[in-house]
N, C-alpha and C. Protein backbone atom coordinates (compact mmCIF):
# COMPACT_ATOMS: atom_id res chain seq x y z
N MET A 1 167.79 146.46 77.26
CA MET A 1 167.64 146.29 78.69
C MET A 1 167.01 144.94 79.00
N LYS A 2 165.99 144.56 78.20
CA LYS A 2 165.31 143.29 78.43
C LYS A 2 166.28 142.12 78.24
N LYS A 3 167.19 142.22 77.26
CA LYS A 3 168.16 141.16 77.03
C LYS A 3 169.11 141.03 78.22
N ILE A 4 169.49 142.15 78.80
CA ILE A 4 170.38 142.12 79.96
C ILE A 4 169.69 141.46 81.14
N ILE A 5 168.43 141.80 81.36
CA ILE A 5 167.67 141.20 82.47
C ILE A 5 167.53 139.70 82.25
N ASN A 6 167.22 139.27 81.03
CA ASN A 6 167.10 137.84 80.74
C ASN A 6 168.44 137.12 80.94
N LEU A 7 169.55 137.75 80.55
CA LEU A 7 170.86 137.17 80.75
C LEU A 7 171.16 137.02 82.23
N LEU A 8 170.83 138.03 83.02
CA LEU A 8 171.03 137.94 84.47
C LEU A 8 170.20 136.82 85.07
N ARG A 9 168.97 136.65 84.61
CA ARG A 9 168.12 135.57 85.10
C ARG A 9 168.73 134.21 84.78
N ILE A 10 169.27 134.06 83.56
CA ILE A 10 169.89 132.80 83.18
C ILE A 10 171.10 132.51 84.06
N ILE A 11 171.89 133.52 84.35
CA ILE A 11 173.04 133.34 85.23
C ILE A 11 172.58 132.93 86.61
N MET A 12 171.53 133.59 87.13
CA MET A 12 171.02 133.25 88.46
C MET A 12 170.48 131.84 88.48
N ILE A 13 169.76 131.44 87.44
CA ILE A 13 169.19 130.10 87.38
C ILE A 13 170.31 129.08 87.26
N SER A 14 171.33 129.37 86.45
CA SER A 14 172.44 128.45 86.28
C SER A 14 173.15 128.19 87.60
N SER A 15 173.34 129.22 88.40
CA SER A 15 174.00 129.02 89.69
C SER A 15 173.12 128.17 90.60
N THR A 16 171.82 128.28 90.47
CA THR A 16 170.92 127.45 91.27
C THR A 16 171.02 126.00 90.84
N ILE A 17 171.12 125.75 89.55
CA ILE A 17 171.20 124.39 89.04
C ILE A 17 172.47 123.72 89.53
N ASN A 18 173.57 124.44 89.57
CA ASN A 18 174.83 123.85 89.96
C ASN A 18 174.90 123.50 91.44
N SER A 19 174.03 124.06 92.24
CA SER A 19 174.01 123.69 93.66
C SER A 19 173.04 122.54 93.86
N THR A 20 173.38 121.64 94.75
CA THR A 20 172.51 120.51 95.04
C THR A 20 171.36 120.97 95.90
N LEU A 21 170.15 120.60 95.51
CA LEU A 21 168.98 120.99 96.26
C LEU A 21 168.71 119.93 97.31
N ILE A 22 169.06 120.25 98.55
CA ILE A 22 168.93 119.26 99.62
C ILE A 22 168.08 119.84 100.74
N ASN A 23 167.20 119.04 101.24
CA ASN A 23 166.43 119.39 102.41
C ASN A 23 167.29 119.04 103.62
N ASN A 24 167.82 120.05 104.30
CA ASN A 24 168.75 119.82 105.39
C ASN A 24 168.12 119.06 106.55
N LYS A 25 166.83 119.13 106.69
CA LYS A 25 166.16 118.49 107.82
C LYS A 25 166.37 116.98 107.80
N ASN A 26 166.27 116.37 106.63
CA ASN A 26 166.43 114.93 106.58
C ASN A 26 167.33 114.48 105.43
N SER A 27 168.16 115.39 104.92
CA SER A 27 169.13 115.11 103.86
C SER A 27 168.52 114.41 102.66
N LYS A 28 167.30 114.78 102.32
CA LYS A 28 166.60 114.19 101.18
C LYS A 28 166.68 115.18 100.01
N VAL A 29 167.04 114.70 98.84
CA VAL A 29 167.11 115.58 97.68
C VAL A 29 165.70 115.98 97.28
N ILE A 30 165.48 117.28 97.07
CA ILE A 30 164.18 117.78 96.65
C ILE A 30 163.91 117.29 95.23
N ASN A 31 162.66 117.05 94.91
CA ASN A 31 162.27 116.42 93.66
C ASN A 31 162.24 117.34 92.45
N ILE A 32 163.03 118.39 92.43
CA ILE A 32 163.15 119.17 91.21
C ILE A 32 164.37 118.62 90.49
N SER A 33 164.16 117.97 89.37
CA SER A 33 165.30 117.39 88.66
C SER A 33 166.07 118.48 87.95
N GLN A 34 167.39 118.28 87.84
CA GLN A 34 168.21 119.26 87.14
C GLN A 34 167.81 119.35 85.68
N ASN A 35 167.40 118.23 85.09
CA ASN A 35 166.95 118.27 83.70
C ASN A 35 165.73 119.16 83.54
N MET A 36 164.80 119.09 84.51
CA MET A 36 163.60 119.93 84.43
C MET A 36 163.98 121.41 84.56
N LEU A 37 164.90 121.72 85.48
CA LEU A 37 165.33 123.11 85.62
C LEU A 37 166.04 123.59 84.36
N GLN A 38 166.91 122.76 83.79
CA GLN A 38 167.61 123.15 82.56
C GLN A 38 166.63 123.34 81.41
N GLN A 39 165.62 122.47 81.34
CA GLN A 39 164.60 122.63 80.31
C GLN A 39 163.86 123.95 80.48
N ASN A 40 163.56 124.31 81.73
CA ASN A 40 162.89 125.58 81.99
C ASN A 40 163.74 126.76 81.55
N ILE A 41 165.05 126.70 81.76
CA ILE A 41 165.93 127.78 81.33
C ILE A 41 165.87 127.93 79.82
N LYS A 42 166.00 126.82 79.12
CA LYS A 42 166.02 126.85 77.66
C LYS A 42 164.70 127.34 77.09
N GLU A 43 163.60 126.95 77.71
CA GLU A 43 162.30 127.24 77.12
C GLU A 43 161.72 128.59 77.50
N SER A 44 161.75 128.95 78.78
CA SER A 44 161.01 130.17 79.09
C SER A 44 161.40 130.91 80.36
N ASN A 45 162.46 130.52 81.05
CA ASN A 45 162.83 131.22 82.29
C ASN A 45 161.62 131.40 83.21
N ASP A 46 160.90 130.35 83.48
CA ASP A 46 159.63 130.50 84.16
C ASP A 46 159.63 130.09 85.64
N ILE A 47 160.78 130.10 86.30
CA ILE A 47 160.80 129.96 87.75
C ILE A 47 161.60 131.12 88.33
N LEU A 48 161.03 131.75 89.34
CA LEU A 48 161.69 132.93 89.89
C LEU A 48 160.99 133.35 91.18
N PHE A 49 161.77 133.80 92.16
CA PHE A 49 161.22 134.46 93.34
C PHE A 49 161.66 135.91 93.24
N GLU A 50 160.69 136.82 93.29
CA GLU A 50 160.97 138.22 93.02
C GLU A 50 160.37 139.10 94.12
N LYS A 51 161.10 140.16 94.46
CA LYS A 51 160.61 141.15 95.42
C LYS A 51 160.66 142.50 94.74
N ASP A 52 159.52 143.20 94.69
CA ASP A 52 159.42 144.50 94.02
C ASP A 52 159.09 145.60 95.01
N TYR A 53 159.77 146.71 94.85
CA TYR A 53 159.55 147.88 95.70
C TYR A 53 158.21 148.53 95.36
N ARG A 54 157.51 148.97 96.39
CA ARG A 54 156.28 149.75 96.20
C ARG A 54 156.37 150.98 97.08
N PHE A 55 156.22 152.12 96.49
CA PHE A 55 156.29 153.39 97.21
C PHE A 55 155.09 153.51 98.14
N LEU A 56 155.35 153.78 99.41
CA LEU A 56 154.32 153.97 100.44
C LEU A 56 153.39 152.77 100.59
N ALA A 57 153.92 151.58 100.33
CA ALA A 57 153.13 150.35 100.50
C ALA A 57 154.11 149.21 100.80
N HIS A 58 153.58 148.10 101.24
CA HIS A 58 154.42 146.93 101.50
C HIS A 58 154.90 146.36 100.18
N ASP A 59 156.18 145.98 100.13
CA ASP A 59 156.76 145.43 98.91
C ASP A 59 156.00 144.21 98.45
N TRP A 60 155.95 144.04 97.11
CA TRP A 60 155.33 142.87 96.52
C TRP A 60 156.31 141.70 96.56
N LEU A 61 155.76 140.51 96.76
CA LEU A 61 156.50 139.27 96.61
C LEU A 61 155.83 138.49 95.49
N LYS A 62 156.62 138.02 94.54
CA LYS A 62 156.06 137.27 93.40
C LYS A 62 156.85 135.98 93.22
N VAL A 63 156.12 134.93 92.88
CA VAL A 63 156.76 133.68 92.52
C VAL A 63 156.22 133.25 91.17
N LYS A 64 157.16 132.93 90.28
CA LYS A 64 156.80 132.34 88.99
C LYS A 64 157.13 130.86 89.08
N ILE A 65 156.15 130.03 88.79
CA ILE A 65 156.31 128.58 88.88
C ILE A 65 155.85 127.96 87.57
N SER A 66 156.71 127.16 86.95
CA SER A 66 156.30 126.46 85.73
C SER A 66 155.22 125.44 86.06
N ASN A 67 154.41 125.11 85.06
CA ASN A 67 153.37 124.10 85.27
C ASN A 67 153.95 122.77 85.70
N GLN A 68 155.09 122.37 85.11
CA GLN A 68 155.68 121.08 85.45
C GLN A 68 156.08 121.04 86.93
N ILE A 69 156.73 122.08 87.41
CA ILE A 69 157.16 122.12 88.81
C ILE A 69 155.95 122.25 89.73
N PHE A 70 154.97 123.05 89.34
CA PHE A 70 153.78 123.19 90.17
C PHE A 70 153.06 121.85 90.32
N GLU A 71 152.88 121.16 89.20
CA GLU A 71 152.15 119.89 89.21
C GLU A 71 152.85 118.86 90.11
N LYS A 72 154.15 118.70 89.91
CA LYS A 72 154.88 117.65 90.61
C LYS A 72 155.24 118.04 92.05
N ASP A 73 155.82 119.20 92.23
CA ASP A 73 156.42 119.54 93.52
C ASP A 73 155.52 120.36 94.44
N PHE A 74 154.42 120.85 93.93
CA PHE A 74 153.48 121.56 94.80
C PHE A 74 152.17 120.78 94.92
N LYS A 75 151.48 120.62 93.80
CA LYS A 75 150.15 120.00 93.83
C LYS A 75 150.20 118.56 94.35
N GLU A 76 151.04 117.72 93.74
CA GLU A 76 151.10 116.32 94.16
C GLU A 76 151.57 116.20 95.61
N PHE A 77 152.61 116.95 95.97
CA PHE A 77 153.13 116.87 97.34
C PHE A 77 152.08 117.33 98.34
N TYR A 78 151.36 118.39 98.00
CA TYR A 78 150.33 118.92 98.90
C TYR A 78 149.28 117.85 99.20
N PHE A 79 148.75 117.24 98.14
CA PHE A 79 147.67 116.27 98.34
C PHE A 79 148.17 114.94 98.92
N ASP A 80 149.44 114.60 98.68
CA ASP A 80 150.00 113.39 99.29
C ASP A 80 150.26 113.58 100.79
N ASN A 81 150.40 114.83 101.24
CA ASN A 81 150.76 115.12 102.63
C ASN A 81 149.78 116.07 103.30
N ILE A 82 148.54 116.06 102.87
CA ILE A 82 147.56 117.06 103.30
C ILE A 82 147.38 117.11 104.83
N LYS A 83 147.63 116.02 105.50
CA LYS A 83 147.47 116.00 106.96
C LYS A 83 148.73 116.45 107.70
N HIS A 84 149.78 116.73 106.98
CA HIS A 84 151.06 117.09 107.60
C HIS A 84 151.50 118.48 107.14
N LYS A 85 150.84 119.49 107.68
CA LYS A 85 151.06 120.87 107.25
C LYS A 85 152.52 121.31 107.43
N SER A 86 153.17 120.88 108.49
CA SER A 86 154.56 121.30 108.70
C SER A 86 155.47 120.72 107.62
N GLU A 87 155.21 119.48 107.18
CA GLU A 87 156.00 118.91 106.09
C GLU A 87 155.77 119.68 104.78
N ILE A 88 154.53 120.07 104.55
CA ILE A 88 154.22 120.84 103.35
C ILE A 88 154.96 122.18 103.39
N LYS A 89 154.90 122.87 104.54
CA LYS A 89 155.60 124.15 104.67
C LYS A 89 157.09 123.99 104.41
N ASN A 90 157.70 122.98 105.03
CA ASN A 90 159.15 122.77 104.84
C ASN A 90 159.48 122.45 103.39
N HIS A 91 158.68 121.61 102.77
CA HIS A 91 158.92 121.24 101.37
C HIS A 91 158.79 122.46 100.45
N PHE A 92 157.70 123.20 100.59
CA PHE A 92 157.51 124.39 99.76
C PHE A 92 158.62 125.41 99.99
N PHE A 93 159.03 125.57 101.26
CA PHE A 93 160.12 126.51 101.56
C PHE A 93 161.39 126.09 100.83
N GLU A 94 161.75 124.82 100.90
CA GLU A 94 162.99 124.35 100.26
C GLU A 94 162.96 124.58 98.75
N ILE A 95 161.82 124.34 98.15
CA ILE A 95 161.73 124.54 96.69
C ILE A 95 161.86 126.01 96.34
N ILE A 96 161.07 126.86 96.99
CA ILE A 96 161.10 128.29 96.66
C ILE A 96 162.44 128.91 97.05
N ASN A 97 163.02 128.46 98.14
CA ASN A 97 164.31 128.97 98.57
C ASN A 97 165.40 128.72 97.53
N ASN A 98 165.23 127.69 96.71
CA ASN A 98 166.22 127.38 95.67
C ASN A 98 165.88 127.96 94.31
N PHE A 99 164.78 128.70 94.22
CA PHE A 99 164.48 129.40 92.97
C PHE A 99 165.47 130.55 92.79
N PRO A 100 165.76 130.91 91.55
CA PRO A 100 166.55 132.13 91.33
C PRO A 100 165.80 133.32 91.91
N ARG A 101 166.54 134.33 92.35
CA ARG A 101 165.92 135.49 93.01
C ARG A 101 166.22 136.76 92.24
N LEU A 102 165.23 137.63 92.24
CA LEU A 102 165.39 138.94 91.63
C LEU A 102 164.87 139.97 92.61
N ASP A 103 165.79 140.79 93.15
CA ASP A 103 165.42 141.79 94.14
C ASP A 103 165.33 143.15 93.44
N ASN A 104 164.12 143.66 93.31
CA ASN A 104 163.89 144.96 92.66
C ASN A 104 163.55 146.05 93.67
N THR A 105 163.99 145.88 94.92
CA THR A 105 163.65 146.88 95.93
C THR A 105 164.52 148.12 95.80
N SER A 106 165.69 147.99 95.28
CA SER A 106 166.64 149.09 95.02
C SER A 106 166.86 150.03 96.20
N SER A 107 166.48 149.62 97.38
CA SER A 107 166.67 150.49 98.53
C SER A 107 167.59 149.83 99.55
N GLY A 108 168.45 148.97 99.07
CA GLY A 108 169.35 148.27 99.96
C GLY A 108 168.68 147.10 100.65
N GLY A 109 167.44 146.81 100.27
CA GLY A 109 166.72 145.69 100.85
C GLY A 109 167.22 144.39 100.25
N SER A 110 166.64 143.32 100.67
CA SER A 110 167.01 142.02 100.12
C SER A 110 165.85 141.05 100.32
N ILE A 111 165.97 139.92 99.67
CA ILE A 111 165.00 138.86 99.86
C ILE A 111 165.47 138.03 101.05
N THR A 112 164.62 137.91 102.04
CA THR A 112 165.00 137.22 103.27
C THR A 112 164.26 135.90 103.39
N GLU A 113 164.71 135.08 104.34
CA GLU A 113 163.98 133.84 104.63
C GLU A 113 162.57 134.15 105.08
N ASN A 114 162.40 135.25 105.80
CA ASN A 114 161.06 135.65 106.24
C ASN A 114 160.14 135.90 105.05
N ASP A 115 160.68 136.50 103.98
CA ASP A 115 159.88 136.71 102.76
C ASP A 115 159.41 135.38 102.18
N ILE A 116 160.30 134.39 102.19
CA ILE A 116 159.96 133.09 101.64
C ILE A 116 158.92 132.40 102.54
N PHE A 117 159.11 132.46 103.87
CA PHE A 117 158.12 131.90 104.78
C PHE A 117 156.76 132.58 104.61
N THR A 118 156.78 133.90 104.44
CA THR A 118 155.54 134.63 104.19
C THR A 118 154.86 134.07 102.95
N PHE A 119 155.62 133.87 101.90
CA PHE A 119 155.06 133.38 100.66
C PHE A 119 154.51 131.96 100.80
N VAL A 120 155.26 131.11 101.48
CA VAL A 120 154.80 129.73 101.69
C VAL A 120 153.47 129.73 102.43
N ASN A 121 153.33 130.56 103.45
CA ASN A 121 152.07 130.63 104.19
C ASN A 121 150.93 131.10 103.31
N VAL A 122 151.19 132.06 102.43
CA VAL A 122 150.16 132.54 101.50
C VAL A 122 149.74 131.42 100.57
N ILE A 123 150.71 130.67 100.05
CA ILE A 123 150.38 129.56 99.14
C ILE A 123 149.52 128.52 99.86
N ILE A 124 149.92 128.15 101.05
CA ILE A 124 149.18 127.12 101.79
C ILE A 124 147.78 127.63 102.15
N ASN A 125 147.69 128.86 102.62
CA ASN A 125 146.38 129.41 103.03
C ASN A 125 145.43 129.60 101.86
N ASN A 126 145.95 129.73 100.66
CA ASN A 126 145.10 129.96 99.48
C ASN A 126 145.23 128.84 98.45
N PHE A 127 145.66 127.66 98.91
CA PHE A 127 145.95 126.58 97.96
C PHE A 127 144.73 126.12 97.19
N GLU A 128 143.58 126.09 97.81
CA GLU A 128 142.37 125.68 97.08
C GLU A 128 142.08 126.62 95.92
N GLU A 129 142.23 127.92 96.14
CA GLU A 129 142.02 128.90 95.07
C GLU A 129 143.08 128.76 93.97
N ILE A 130 144.32 128.51 94.37
CA ILE A 130 145.41 128.34 93.41
C ILE A 130 145.17 127.09 92.57
N ILE A 131 144.77 125.99 93.21
CA ILE A 131 144.47 124.75 92.48
C ILE A 131 143.32 124.96 91.51
N LYS A 132 142.28 125.65 91.93
CA LYS A 132 141.14 125.91 91.06
C LYS A 132 141.58 126.71 89.83
N PHE A 133 142.38 127.75 90.04
CA PHE A 133 142.89 128.55 88.92
C PHE A 133 143.72 127.66 87.99
N TYR A 134 144.60 126.87 88.56
CA TYR A 134 145.45 125.98 87.78
C TYR A 134 144.59 125.00 86.96
N ASN A 135 143.65 124.35 87.62
CA ASN A 135 142.82 123.37 86.92
C ASN A 135 141.93 124.00 85.86
N ASP A 136 141.39 125.20 86.13
CA ASP A 136 140.49 125.86 85.19
C ASP A 136 141.21 126.47 84.00
N PHE A 137 142.41 127.01 84.21
CA PHE A 137 143.04 127.82 83.16
C PHE A 137 144.36 127.29 82.63
N LEU A 138 145.13 126.59 83.43
CA LEU A 138 146.50 126.29 83.02
C LEU A 138 146.81 124.82 82.81
N HIS A 139 146.00 123.94 83.34
CA HIS A 139 146.31 122.52 83.30
C HIS A 139 146.61 122.02 81.88
N ASN A 140 145.93 122.53 80.89
CA ASN A 140 146.11 122.08 79.51
C ASN A 140 147.13 122.90 78.72
N TYR A 141 147.89 123.77 79.40
CA TYR A 141 148.90 124.59 78.75
C TYR A 141 150.25 124.32 79.39
N PRO A 142 150.92 123.23 79.03
CA PRO A 142 152.16 122.84 79.70
C PRO A 142 153.33 123.81 79.51
N ASP A 143 153.25 124.68 78.53
CA ASP A 143 154.37 125.59 78.26
C ASP A 143 154.26 126.91 79.01
N THR A 144 153.35 126.99 79.94
CA THR A 144 153.20 128.23 80.70
C THR A 144 153.33 127.91 82.19
N GLY A 145 152.88 128.82 83.02
CA GLY A 145 152.97 128.59 84.45
C GLY A 145 152.19 129.63 85.22
N LEU A 146 152.35 129.58 86.53
CA LEU A 146 151.64 130.49 87.43
C LEU A 146 152.54 131.64 87.86
N ILE A 147 151.92 132.75 88.14
CA ILE A 147 152.56 133.83 88.88
C ILE A 147 151.66 134.08 90.08
N ILE A 148 152.23 133.97 91.27
CA ILE A 148 151.48 134.20 92.49
C ILE A 148 152.05 135.46 93.14
N VAL A 149 151.16 136.40 93.48
CA VAL A 149 151.60 137.70 94.01
C VAL A 149 150.96 137.96 95.36
N THR A 150 151.77 138.36 96.32
CA THR A 150 151.31 138.82 97.62
C THR A 150 152.20 140.00 98.02
N ASN A 151 152.19 140.35 99.28
CA ASN A 151 153.14 141.35 99.76
C ASN A 151 153.77 140.86 101.05
N THR A 152 154.61 141.69 101.63
CA THR A 152 155.38 141.26 102.80
C THR A 152 154.54 141.08 104.05
N ILE A 153 153.24 141.43 104.00
CA ILE A 153 152.36 141.19 105.15
C ILE A 153 151.26 140.17 104.81
N ARG A 154 151.49 139.36 103.79
CA ARG A 154 150.60 138.24 103.40
C ARG A 154 149.24 138.67 102.87
N SER A 155 149.15 139.82 102.28
CA SER A 155 147.88 140.26 101.75
C SER A 155 147.50 139.42 100.52
N TRP A 156 146.20 139.27 100.32
CA TRP A 156 145.67 138.53 99.17
C TRP A 156 144.58 139.39 98.54
N ASP A 157 144.82 140.69 98.51
CA ASP A 157 143.84 141.68 98.07
C ASP A 157 143.82 141.77 96.54
N LYS A 158 142.76 141.25 95.94
CA LYS A 158 142.64 141.27 94.47
C LYS A 158 142.55 142.69 93.91
N ASN A 159 142.05 143.62 94.72
CA ASN A 159 141.97 145.01 94.27
C ASN A 159 143.33 145.70 94.26
N ASP A 160 144.33 145.05 94.83
CA ASP A 160 145.69 145.59 94.85
C ASP A 160 146.62 144.71 94.00
N ASN A 161 146.05 144.08 92.98
CA ASN A 161 146.80 143.26 92.02
C ASN A 161 147.52 142.07 92.64
N MET A 162 146.93 141.49 93.68
CA MET A 162 147.52 140.30 94.26
C MET A 162 146.63 139.11 93.92
N GLY A 163 147.23 137.94 93.87
CA GLY A 163 146.48 136.74 93.53
C GLY A 163 147.28 135.85 92.63
N ILE A 164 146.58 135.15 91.73
CA ILE A 164 147.18 134.17 90.84
C ILE A 164 146.99 134.63 89.40
N PHE A 165 148.05 134.51 88.62
CA PHE A 165 147.99 134.95 87.23
C PHE A 165 148.70 133.93 86.35
N LYS A 166 148.40 133.97 85.07
CA LYS A 166 149.06 133.12 84.08
C LYS A 166 150.32 133.82 83.61
N GLN A 167 151.41 133.04 83.49
CA GLN A 167 152.63 133.60 82.91
C GLN A 167 152.39 133.88 81.44
N THR A 168 152.96 134.97 80.96
CA THR A 168 152.81 135.28 79.53
C THR A 168 154.13 135.14 78.81
């Protein structure tokens, strides 16, 4: 079963690579290089936007981000544009929107643009904590990445397994 899931992820990632990542607002190519995405596929399948069903609770939203993509396309962009929150939101949305998706809701649900906007807002609102985690635990481990977990109502409740984690 695990091999089938990994094969599906590779197929999803491959289809993402073959599409051009363009920011429609100003027709600027997003700074995720195809070589970096292909390297991620070969090494660890470490980029993904995932939605998981939770019984009697708001569905979980998870993003897996490789250290290379986080460093270049999130951290650097954030600090280069810290005074322009709308640009940061648009940039983060475009990147996450082009991640491969895995919908585990199994109830006919789907991953929507609203889910991605929810996630972008959580990342921006908690960016200092995410940066601290990255700098303290992951900066010196280039072969791993972050997993950021929230839910569809932007919760950041650590007692409900939400927050920032290291990819294993």
